[in-house]
Amino acid sequence: MTVVSQVKQSLASLKSIHAGLQELALISQDEQAQRTFHEAMMMTEEIIADIKKRIGKLEWEEPQYHGK
């Protein structure tokens, strides 16, 4: 497995975690828990954005990965 594919797999996992945190924030009855889940969700959004940038850089550095 290439580095790019591993990073893309990590991105997919993070997106799944983000969705889970979003769901927990919505269904939680406890206000503090809602805030905690929302804050964690916001952190994952930042990480997801950073990883997307990294994927772009990796693909630019390694042209053979374009379109994969």
C-alpha atoms as a PDB file:
ATOM      1  CA  MET A   1       0.000   0.000   0.000  1.00  0.00           C
ATOM      2  CA  THR A   2       1.402   3.383  -0.982  1.00  0.00           C
ATOM      3  CA  VAL A   3       1.751   6.323   1.372  1.00  0.00           C
ATOM      4  CA  VAL A   4      -0.943   8.222  -0.515  1.00  0.00           C
ATOM      5  CA  SER A   5      -3.402   5.356  -0.239  1.00  0.00           C
ATOM      6  CA  GLN A   6      -2.667   5.013   3.488  1.00  0.00           C
ATOM      7  CA  VAL A   7      -3.267   8.718   4.011  1.00  0.00           C
ATOM      8  CA  LYS A   8      -6.504   8.515   2.003  1.00  0.00           C
ATOM      9  CA  GLN A   9      -7.598   5.558   4.123  1.00  0.00           C
ATOM     10  CA  SER A  10      -6.866   7.612   7.248  1.00  0.00           C
ATOM     11  CA  LEU A  11      -8.926  10.455   5.808  1.00  0.00           C
ATOM     12  CA  ALA A  12     -11.879   8.125   5.266  1.00  0.00           C
ATOM     13  CA  SER A  13     -11.583   6.912   8.863  1.00  0.00           C
ATOM     14  CA  LEU A  14     -11.497  10.482  10.154  1.00  0.00           C
ATOM     15  CA  LYS A  15     -14.593  11.362   8.142  1.00  0.00           C
ATOM     16  CA  SER A  16     -16.366   8.413   9.746  1.00  0.00           C
ATOM     17  CA  ILE A  17     -15.259   9.535  13.215  1.00  0.00           C
ATOM     18  CA  HIS A  18     -16.471  13.062  12.410  1.00  0.00           C
ATOM     19  CA  ALA A  19     -19.892  11.734  11.426  1.00  0.00           C
ATOM     20  CA  GLY A  20     -20.079   9.686  14.623  1.00  0.00           C
ATOM     21  CA  LEU A  21     -19.227  12.705  16.761  1.00  0.00           C
ATOM     22  CA  GLN A  22     -21.815  14.767  14.915  1.00  0.00           C
ATOM     23  CA  GLU A  23     -24.446  12.113  15.574  1.00  0.00           C
ATOM     24  CA  LEU A  24     -23.523  11.934  19.258  1.00  0.00           C
ATOM     25  CA  ALA A  25     -23.703  15.721  19.572  1.00  0.00           C
ATOM     26  CA  LEU A  26     -27.193  15.687  18.091  1.00  0.00           C
ATOM     27  CA  ILE A  27     -28.646  12.852  20.162  1.00  0.00           C
ATOM     28  CA  SER A  28     -26.995  13.601  23.494  1.00  0.00           C
ATOM     29  CA  GLN A  29     -29.338  14.847  26.211  1.00  0.00           C
ATOM     30  CA  ASP A  30     -26.563  16.299  28.363  1.00  0.00           C
ATOM     31  CA  GLU A  31     -25.566  19.839  27.395  1.00  0.00           C
ATOM     32  CA  GLN A  32     -21.947  19.389  28.502  1.00  0.00           C
ATOM     33  CA  ALA A  33     -21.670  16.188  26.466  1.00  0.00           C
ATOM     34  CA  GLN A  34     -23.128  17.967  23.443  1.00  0.00           C
ATOM     35  CA  ARG A  35     -20.504  20.697  23.771  1.00  0.00           C
ATOM     36  CA  THR A  36     -17.707  18.153  24.167  1.00  0.00           C
ATOM     37  CA  PHE A  37     -18.811  16.163  21.115  1.00  0.00           C
ATOM     38  CA  HIS A  38     -19.192  19.365  19.100  1.00  0.00           C
ATOM     39  CA  GLU A  39     -15.706  20.572  20.064  1.00  0.00           C
ATOM     40  CA  ALA A  40     -14.213  17.208  19.109  1.00  0.00           C
ATOM     41  CA  MET A  41     -16.131  17.340  15.838  1.00  0.00           C
ATOM     42  CA  MET A  42     -14.666  20.786  15.098  1.00  0.00           C
ATOM     43  CA  MET A  43     -11.164  19.464  15.785  1.00  0.00           C
ATOM     44  CA  THR A  44     -11.699  16.609  13.341  1.00  0.00           C
ATOM     45  CA  GLU A  45     -12.806  19.136  10.701  1.00  0.00           C
ATOM     46  CA  GLU A  46      -9.480  20.929  11.067  1.00  0.00           C
ATOM     47  CA  ILE A  47      -7.556  17.659  10.854  1.00  0.00           C
ATOM     48  CA  ILE A  48      -9.551  16.577   7.794  1.00  0.00           C
ATOM     49  CA  ALA A  49      -8.723  19.864   6.053  1.00  0.00           C
ATOM     50  CA  ASP A  50      -5.029  19.445   6.890  1.00  0.00           C
ATOM     51  CA  ILE A  51      -4.967  15.881   5.599  1.00  0.00           C
ATOM     52  CA  LYS A  52      -6.689  16.920   2.353  1.00  0.00           C
ATOM     53  CA  LYS A  53      -3.945  19.502   1.837  1.00  0.00           C
ATOM     54  CA  ARG A  54      -1.317  16.858   2.566  1.00  0.00           C
ATOM     55  CA  ILE A  55      -2.858  14.475   0.035  1.00  0.00           C
ATOM     56  CA  GLY A  56      -2.712  17.221  -2.582  1.00  0.00           C
ATOM     57  CA  LYS A  57       0.945  17.836  -1.797  1.00  0.00           C
ATOM     58  CA  LEU A  58       1.777  14.117  -1.886  1.00  0.00           C
ATOM     59  CA  GLU A  59       0.033  13.713  -5.229  1.00  0.00           C
ATOM     60  CA  TRP A  60       1.826  16.769  -6.619  1.00  0.00           C
ATOM     61  CA  GLU A  61       5.173  15.401  -5.450  1.00  0.00           C
ATOM     62  CA  GLU A  62       4.423  11.973  -6.900  1.00  0.00           C
ATOM     63  CA  PRO A  63       2.709  12.456 -10.295  1.00  0.00           C
ATOM     64  CA  GLN A  64       2.085   8.723 -10.691  1.00  0.00           C
ATOM     65  CA  TYR A  65      -0.595   9.028  -7.974  1.00  0.00           C
ATOM     66  CA  HIS A  66      -2.737  11.520  -9.894  1.00  0.00           C
ATOM     67  CA  GLY A  67      -6.314  10.376 -10.243  1.00  0.00           C
ATOM     68  CA  LYS A  68      -6.009   7.430  -7.919  1.00  0.00           C
END
